PDB file of N, CA and C in Angstrom:
ATOM      1  N   UNK A   1      30.337 -23.280  10.291  1.00  0.00           N
ATOM      2  CA  UNK A   1      29.004 -22.857   9.876  1.00  0.00           C
ATOM      3  C   UNK A   1      28.988 -22.672   8.358  1.00  0.00           C
ATOM      4  N   UNK A   2      27.932 -23.134   7.664  1.00  0.00           N
ATOM      5  CA  UNK A   2      27.897 -23.005   6.212  1.00  0.00           C
ATOM      6  C   UNK A   2      27.707 -21.550   5.775  1.00  0.00           C
ATOM      7  N   UNK A   3      28.039 -21.319   4.528  1.00  0.00           N
ATOM      8  CA  UNK A   3      27.871 -19.984   3.973  1.00  0.00           C
ATOM      9  C   UNK A   3      26.384 -19.637   3.899  1.00  0.00           C
ATOM     10  N   UNK A   4      26.080 -18.353   4.075  1.00  0.00           N
ATOM     11  CA  UNK A   4      24.695 -17.892   3.933  1.00  0.00           C
ATOM     12  C   UNK A   4      24.340 -17.837   2.453  1.00  0.00           C
ATOM     13  N   UNK A   5      23.148 -18.298   2.123  1.00  0.00           N
ATOM     14  CA  UNK A   5      22.684 -18.210   0.741  1.00  0.00           C
ATOM     15  C   UNK A   5      21.452 -17.328   0.678  1.00  0.00           C
ATOM     16  N   UNK A   6      21.394 -16.513  -0.351  1.00  0.00           N
ATOM     17  CA  UNK A   6      20.236 -15.676  -0.582  1.00  0.00           C
ATOM     18  C   UNK A   6      19.123 -16.527  -1.180  1.00  0.00           C
ATOM     19  N   UNK A   7      17.909 -16.345  -0.702  1.00  0.00           N
ATOM     20  CA  UNK A   7      16.750 -16.999  -1.308  1.00  0.00           C
ATOM     21  C   UNK A   7      16.448 -16.257  -2.611  1.00  0.00           C
ATOM     22  N   UNK A   8      16.646 -16.934  -3.755  1.00  0.00           N
ATOM     23  CA  UNK A   8      16.567 -16.263  -5.040  1.00  0.00           C
ATOM     24  C   UNK A   8      15.157 -15.771  -5.372  1.00  0.00           C
ATOM     25  N   UNK A   9      14.141 -16.500  -4.916  1.00  0.00           N
ATOM     26  CA  UNK A   9      12.765 -16.052  -5.141  1.00  0.00           C
ATOM     27  C   UNK A   9      12.492 -14.746  -4.418  1.00  0.00           C
ATOM     28  N   UNK A  10      12.969 -14.650  -3.179  1.00  0.00           N
ATOM     29  CA  UNK A  10      12.780 -13.431  -2.397  1.00  0.00           C
ATOM     30  C   UNK A  10      13.612 -12.281  -2.961  1.00  0.00           C
ATOM     31  N   UNK A  11      14.794 -12.587  -3.474  1.00  0.00           N
ATOM     32  CA  UNK A  11      15.667 -11.547  -4.022  1.00  0.00           C
ATOM     33  C   UNK A  11      15.029 -10.859  -5.230  1.00  0.00           C
ATOM     34  N   UNK A  12      14.210 -11.586  -5.969  1.00  0.00           N
ATOM     35  CA  UNK A  12      13.534 -11.023  -7.138  1.00  0.00           C
ATOM     36  C   UNK A  12      12.299 -10.215  -6.746  1.00  0.00           C
ATOM     37  N   UNK A  13      11.774 -10.463  -5.556  1.00  0.00           N
ATOM     38  CA  UNK A  13      10.530  -9.814  -5.136  1.00  0.00           C
ATOM     39  C   UNK A  13      10.726  -8.626  -4.195  1.00  0.00           C
ATOM     40  N   UNK A  14      11.827  -8.611  -3.464  1.00  0.00           N
ATOM     41  CA  UNK A  14      12.044  -7.565  -2.470  1.00  0.00           C
ATOM     42  C   UNK A  14      13.384  -6.898  -2.677  1.00  0.00           C
ATOM     43  N   UNK A  15      13.477  -5.627  -2.250  1.00  0.00           N
ATOM     44  CA  UNK A  15      14.770  -4.950  -2.218  1.00  0.00           C
ATOM     45  C   UNK A  15      14.781  -4.042  -1.007  1.00  0.00           C
ATOM     46  N   UNK A  16      15.970  -3.724  -0.545  1.00  0.00           N
ATOM     47  CA  UNK A  16      16.079  -2.862   0.621  1.00  0.00           C
ATOM     48  C   UNK A  16      16.430  -1.449   0.185  1.00  0.00           C
ATOM     49  N   UNK A  17      15.921  -0.475   0.919  1.00  0.00           N
ATOM     50  CA  UNK A  17      16.221   0.921   0.638  1.00  0.00           C
ATOM     51  C   UNK A  17      17.535   1.278   1.331  1.00  0.00           C
ATOM     52  N   UNK A  18      18.000   2.467   1.116  1.00  0.00           N
ATOM     53  CA  UNK A  18      19.230   2.916   1.737  1.00  0.00           C
ATOM     54  C   UNK A  18      19.151   2.945   3.249  1.00  0.00           C
ATOM     55  N   UNK A  19      17.963   3.205   3.772  1.00  0.00           N
ATOM     56  CA  UNK A  19      17.793   3.269   5.227  1.00  0.00           C
ATOM     57  C   UNK A  19      17.478   1.911   5.844  1.00  0.00           C
ATOM     58  N   UNK A  20      17.421   0.861   5.004  1.00  0.00           N
ATOM     59  CA  UNK A  20      17.236  -0.484   5.525  1.00  0.00           C
ATOM     60  C   UNK A  20      15.809  -0.996   5.526  1.00  0.00           C
ATOM     61  N   UNK A  21      14.863  -0.214   4.981  1.00  0.00           N
ATOM     62  CA  UNK A  21      13.485  -0.685   4.883  1.00  0.00           C
ATOM     63  C   UNK A  21      13.362  -1.630   3.700  1.00  0.00           C
ATOM     64  N   UNK A  22      12.368  -2.518   3.736  1.00  0.00           N
ATOM     65  CA  UNK A  22      12.196  -3.499   2.675  1.00  0.00           C
ATOM     66  C   UNK A  22      11.001  -3.103   1.816  1.00  0.00           C
ATOM     67  N   UNK A  23      11.210  -3.071   0.494  1.00  0.00           N
ATOM     68  CA  UNK A  23      10.202  -2.615  -0.457  1.00  0.00           C
ATOM     69  C   UNK A  23       9.721  -3.779  -1.311  1.00  0.00           C
ATOM     70  N   UNK A  24       8.436  -3.777  -1.633  1.00  0.00           N
ATOM     71  CA  UNK A  24       7.851  -4.788  -2.511  1.00  0.00           C
ATOM     72  C   UNK A  24       6.977  -4.106  -3.548  1.00  0.00           C
ATOM     73  N   UNK A  25       6.651  -4.838  -4.607  1.00  0.00           N
ATOM     74  CA  UNK A  25       5.706  -4.349  -5.607  1.00  0.00           C
ATOM     75  C   UNK A  25       4.310  -4.822  -5.243  1.00  0.00           C
ATOM     76  N   UNK A  26       3.308  -4.096  -5.692  1.00  0.00           N
ATOM     77  CA  UNK A  26       1.928  -4.466  -5.393  1.00  0.00           C
ATOM     78  C   UNK A  26       1.453  -5.564  -6.340  1.00  0.00           C
ATOM     79  N   UNK A  27       0.505  -6.350  -5.862  1.00  0.00           N
ATOM     80  CA  UNK A  27      -0.065  -7.444  -6.650  1.00  0.00           C
ATOM     81  C   UNK A  27      -1.193  -6.915  -7.545  1.00  0.00           C
ATOM     82  N   UNK A  28      -1.749  -7.802  -8.380  1.00  0.00           N
ATOM     83  CA  UNK A  28      -2.919  -7.522  -9.243  1.00  0.00           C
ATOM     84  C   UNK A  28      -2.622  -6.560 -10.387  1.00  0.00           C
ATOM     85  N   UNK A  29      -1.395  -6.531 -10.871  1.00  0.00           N
ATOM     86  CA  UNK A  29      -1.085  -5.643 -11.991  1.00  0.00           C
ATOM     87  C   UNK A  29      -0.528  -6.408 -13.190  1.00  0.00           C
ATOM     88  N   UNK A  30      -0.747  -7.733 -13.234  1.00  0.00           N
ATOM     89  CA  UNK A  30      -0.140  -8.508 -14.312  1.00  0.00           C
ATOM     90  C   UNK A  30      -1.113  -8.851 -15.444  1.00  0.00           C
ATOM     91  N   UNK A  31      -2.374  -9.060 -15.133  1.00  0.00           N
ATOM     92  CA  UNK A  31      -3.340  -9.373 -16.202  1.00  0.00           C
ATOM     93  C   UNK A  31      -4.748  -8.987 -15.757  1.00  0.00           C
ATOM     94  N   UNK A  32      -5.710  -9.108 -16.671  1.00  0.00           N
ATOM     95  CA  UNK A  32      -7.096  -8.655 -16.492  1.00  0.00           C
ATOM     96  C   UNK A  32      -7.102  -7.174 -16.075  1.00  0.00           C
ATOM     97  N   UNK A  33      -6.450  -6.355 -16.885  1.00  0.00           N
ATOM     98  CA  UNK A  33      -6.320  -4.942 -16.565  1.00  0.00           C
ATOM     99  C   UNK A  33      -7.440  -4.098 -17.170  1.00  0.00           C
ATOM    100  N   UNK A  34      -8.239  -4.688 -18.068  1.00  0.00           N
ATOM    101  CA  UNK A  34      -9.260  -3.898 -18.763  1.00  0.00           C
ATOM    102  C   UNK A  34     -10.351  -3.414 -17.820  1.00  0.00           C
ATOM    103  N   UNK A  35     -10.693  -4.201 -16.822  1.00  0.00           N
ATOM    104  CA  UNK A  35     -11.772  -3.807 -15.902  1.00  0.00           C
ATOM    105  C   UNK A  35     -11.289  -2.927 -14.757  1.00  0.00           C
ATOM    106  N   UNK A  36      -9.983  -2.719 -14.652  1.00  0.00           N
ATOM    107  CA  UNK A  36      -9.446  -1.891 -13.571  1.00  0.00           C
ATOM    108  C   UNK A  36      -9.332  -0.444 -14.054  1.00  0.00           C
ATOM    109  N   UNK A  37      -9.652   0.473 -13.177  1.00  0.00           N
ATOM    110  CA  UNK A  37      -9.638   1.889 -13.541  1.00  0.00           C
ATOM    111  C   UNK A  37      -8.194   2.377 -13.706  1.00  0.00           C
ATOM    112  N   UNK A  38      -8.010   3.424 -14.507  1.00  0.00           N
ATOM    113  CA  UNK A  38      -6.660   3.981 -14.687  1.00  0.00           C
ATOM    114  C   UNK A  38      -6.018   4.403 -13.362  1.00  0.00           C
ATOM    115  N   UNK A  39      -6.819   4.942 -12.463  1.00  0.00           N
ATOM    116  CA  UNK A  39      -6.294   5.364 -11.156  1.00  0.00           C
ATOM    117  C   UNK A  39      -5.783   4.162 -10.371  1.00  0.00           C
ATOM    118  N   UNK A  40      -6.544   3.074 -10.407  1.00  0.00           N
ATOM    119  CA  UNK A  40      -6.144   1.864  -9.680  1.00  0.00           C
ATOM    120  C   UNK A  40      -4.864   1.282 -10.274  1.00  0.00           C
ATOM    121  N   UNK A  41      -4.778   1.237 -11.606  1.00  0.00           N
ATOM    122  CA  UNK A  41      -3.581   0.696 -12.272  1.00  0.00           C
ATOM    123  C   UNK A  41      -2.356   1.562 -11.997  1.00  0.00           C
ATOM    124  N   UNK A  42      -2.550   2.866 -11.968  1.00  0.00           N
ATOM    125  CA  UNK A  42      -1.457   3.798 -11.686  1.00  0.00           C
ATOM    126  C   UNK A  42      -0.925   3.587 -10.268  1.00  0.00           C
ATOM    127  N   UNK A  43      -1.825   3.377  -9.319  1.00  0.00           N
ATOM    128  CA  UNK A  43      -1.400   3.155  -7.935  1.00  0.00           C
ATOM    129  C   UNK A  43      -0.730   1.802  -7.750  1.00  0.00           C
ATOM    130  N   UNK A  44      -1.082   0.821  -8.571  1.00  0.00           N
ATOM    131  CA  UNK A  44      -0.466  -0.497  -8.482  1.00  0.00           C
ATOM    132  C   UNK A  44       0.981  -0.492  -8.973  1.00  0.00           C
ATOM    133  N   UNK A  45       1.347   0.522  -9.768  1.00  0.00           N
ATOM    134  CA  UNK A  45       2.724   0.611 -10.283  1.00  0.00           C
ATOM    135  C   UNK A  45       3.734   0.932  -9.190  1.00  0.00           C
ATOM    136  N   UNK A  46       3.296   1.655  -8.169  1.00  0.00           N
ATOM    137  CA  UNK A  46       4.228   2.120  -7.148  1.00  0.00           C
ATOM    138  C   UNK A  46       4.538   1.025  -6.134  1.00  0.00           C
ATOM    139  N   UNK A  47       5.769   0.988  -5.696  1.00  0.00           N
ATOM    140  CA  UNK A  47       6.169   0.041  -4.661  1.00  0.00           C
ATOM    141  C   UNK A  47       5.644   0.475  -3.308  1.00  0.00           C
ATOM    142  N   UNK A  48       5.678  -0.430  -2.362  1.00  0.00           N
ATOM    143  CA  UNK A  48       5.231  -0.120  -1.004  1.00  0.00           C
ATOM    144  C   UNK A  48       6.093  -0.882  -0.008  1.00  0.00           C
ATOM    145  N   UNK A  49       6.125  -0.415   1.228  1.00  0.00           N
ATOM    146  CA  UNK A  49       6.907  -1.079   2.261  1.00  0.00           C
ATOM    147  C   UNK A  49       6.183  -2.337   2.733  1.00  0.00           C
ATOM    148  N   UNK A  50       6.945  -3.353   3.105  1.00  0.00           N
ATOM    149  CA  UNK A  50       6.305  -4.560   3.622  1.00  0.00           C
ATOM    150  C   UNK A  50       5.868  -4.311   5.061  1.00  0.00           C
ATOM    151  N   UNK A  51       4.934  -5.115   5.526  1.00  0.00           N
ATOM    152  CA  UNK A  51       4.394  -4.974   6.874  1.00  0.00           C
ATOM    153  C   UNK A  51       5.493  -5.194   7.910  1.00  0.00           C
ATOM    154  N   UNK A  52       5.412  -4.465   9.000  1.00  0.00           N
ATOM    155  CA  UNK A  52       6.451  -4.544  10.031  1.00  0.00           C
ATOM    156  C   UNK A  52       6.578  -5.940  10.635  1.00  0.00           C
ATOM    157  N   UNK A  53       5.486  -6.714  10.603  1.00  0.00           N
ATOM    158  CA  UNK A  53       5.516  -8.074  11.147  1.00  0.00           C
ATOM    159  C   UNK A  53       6.376  -9.007  10.302  1.00  0.00           C
ATOM    160  N   UNK A  54       6.579  -8.671   9.023  1.00  0.00           N
ATOM    161  CA  UNK A  54       7.307  -9.540   8.104  1.00  0.00           C
ATOM    162  C   UNK A  54       8.761  -9.132   7.886  1.00  0.00           C
ATOM    163  N   UNK A  55       9.166  -7.984   8.399  1.00  0.00           N
ATOM    164  CA  UNK A  55      10.500  -7.435   8.097  1.00  0.00           C
ATOM    165  C   UNK A  55      11.610  -8.406   8.484  1.00  0.00           C
ATOM    166  N   UNK A  56      11.567  -8.937   9.690  1.00  0.00           N
ATOM    167  CA  UNK A  56      12.627  -9.812  10.178  1.00  0.00           C
ATOM    168  C   UNK A  56      12.744 -11.065   9.304  1.00  0.00           C
ATOM    169  N   UNK A  57      11.595 -11.638   8.939  1.00  0.00           N
ATOM    170  CA  UNK A  57      11.573 -12.859   8.140  1.00  0.00           C
ATOM    171  C   UNK A  57      12.136 -12.620   6.731  1.00  0.00           C
ATOM    172  N   UNK A  58      11.775 -11.504   6.114  1.00  0.00           N
ATOM    173  CA  UNK A  58      12.234 -11.195   4.760  1.00  0.00           C
ATOM    174  C   UNK A  58      13.722 -10.854   4.762  1.00  0.00           C
ATOM    175  N   UNK A  59      14.180 -10.108   5.755  1.00  0.00           N
ATOM    176  CA  UNK A  59      15.603  -9.746   5.820  1.00  0.00           C
ATOM    177  C   UNK A  59      16.489 -10.975   5.976  1.00  0.00           C
ATOM    178  N   UNK A  60      15.961 -12.019   6.618  1.00  0.00           N
ATOM    179  CA  UNK A  60      16.709 -13.267   6.756  1.00  0.00           C
ATOM    180  C   UNK A  60      16.860 -13.963   5.396  1.00  0.00           C
ATOM    181  N   UNK A  61      15.875 -13.772   4.515  1.00  0.00           N
ATOM    182  CA  UNK A  61      15.919 -14.394   3.193  1.00  0.00           C
ATOM    183  C   UNK A  61      16.875 -13.664   2.243  1.00  0.00           C
ATOM    184  N   UNK A  62      17.041 -12.356   2.439  1.00  0.00           N
ATOM    185  CA  UNK A  62      17.912 -11.572   1.554  1.00  0.00           C
ATOM    186  C   UNK A  62      19.011 -10.881   2.378  1.00  0.00           C
ATOM    187  N   UNK A  63      19.965 -11.640   2.920  1.00  0.00           N
ATOM    188  CA  UNK A  63      20.963 -11.074   3.815  1.00  0.00           C
ATOM    189  C   UNK A  63      21.931 -10.082   3.158  1.00  0.00           C
ATOM    190  N   UNK A  64      22.169 -10.220   1.851  1.00  0.00           N
ATOM    191  CA  UNK A  64      23.182  -9.361   1.196  1.00  0.00           C
ATOM    192  C   UNK A  64      22.575  -8.287   0.306  1.00  0.00           C
ATOM    193  N   UNK A  65      21.274  -8.229   0.225  1.00  0.00           N
ATOM    194  CA  UNK A  65      20.642  -7.305  -0.712  1.00  0.00           C
ATOM    195  C   UNK A  65      20.315  -5.983  -0.070  1.00  0.00           C
TER     196      UNK A  65
END
């Protein structure tokens, strides 16, 4: 069986917590920030857990992370 390879795109976008949950950053925080309220921009800074439906698929992409 070939060696497992990490999907490098996924490795840059997701990370696992100590308890094994998968964390992602929120979208819409890279440009056109002038029309967004400070509260909205502040909330976009925080990471969030990925949906439970996607956990298995994402963990397969980042087996060692």
